Amino acid sequence: MRQVQFDNPGEPSVLYVADAPVPQPMTGQVLIKVVAAGVNGPDLFQRQGSYPPPPDASPILGLEVAGEIAAVAQGETRWQVGEQVCALVPGGGYSEYVLTWAGHCLPLPQGWSMLEAAALPETFFTVWGNLFMRGALKRGENVLLHGGSGGIGSTAIMLAKAFGCRVIATSGTDEKRDYCLALG
């Protein structure tokens, strides 16, 4: 398979395409044939050398993808080969194939393209995990969001509003404030 790699941190020009072996899923994992990969702040910071991947994560960029299940670990029953998914991945998304945990996959949302779905997991999983699972945010509650115009902030505004919460967001400029207001 091909994947995007870099040897030394720097500008986008340090990136190059190289060949690598196709990984094989282990217990609890699936292999995804990548159609589209999201580009996130952590990817940019990792490329620039200021955000090292965790020791157990892939050094290859890419934290979210959309594609088709290409292989499933023995005993894994949540997904079948051929199903279309978007997924949060532990690095490696800038590849033709990537491994992730079966529990980190979602079915492709109805009406969404692969390109659109590839931009969903990183921000939506982060917001859902922090606001609703850890923070136990409930309908009718107030939530204060700092940096409302960023990727995480704008996703938090949309989800909180969709779940009937009153959102208060901070921003650094009038333009960013207007963007937050337009989100609800």
Foldseek 3Di string as FASTA:
>chain_A
DKFWDADDADDPVRIDIDDDDQDDDAPQKFKFQFPEFDDDPLLNCLSNPNHQQPPVADSAATFKTWGFTCGDHPPDDPDDGGFTWIFGARHDNRGRMGMHGPVRIDGDPPPDDRHRSNNPRPQVVVLCCVCCVVVVDAAAEEDEAEPLQDSNNVNNLLVCVVRHYHYHYDDDDPVSVVVSVVSD
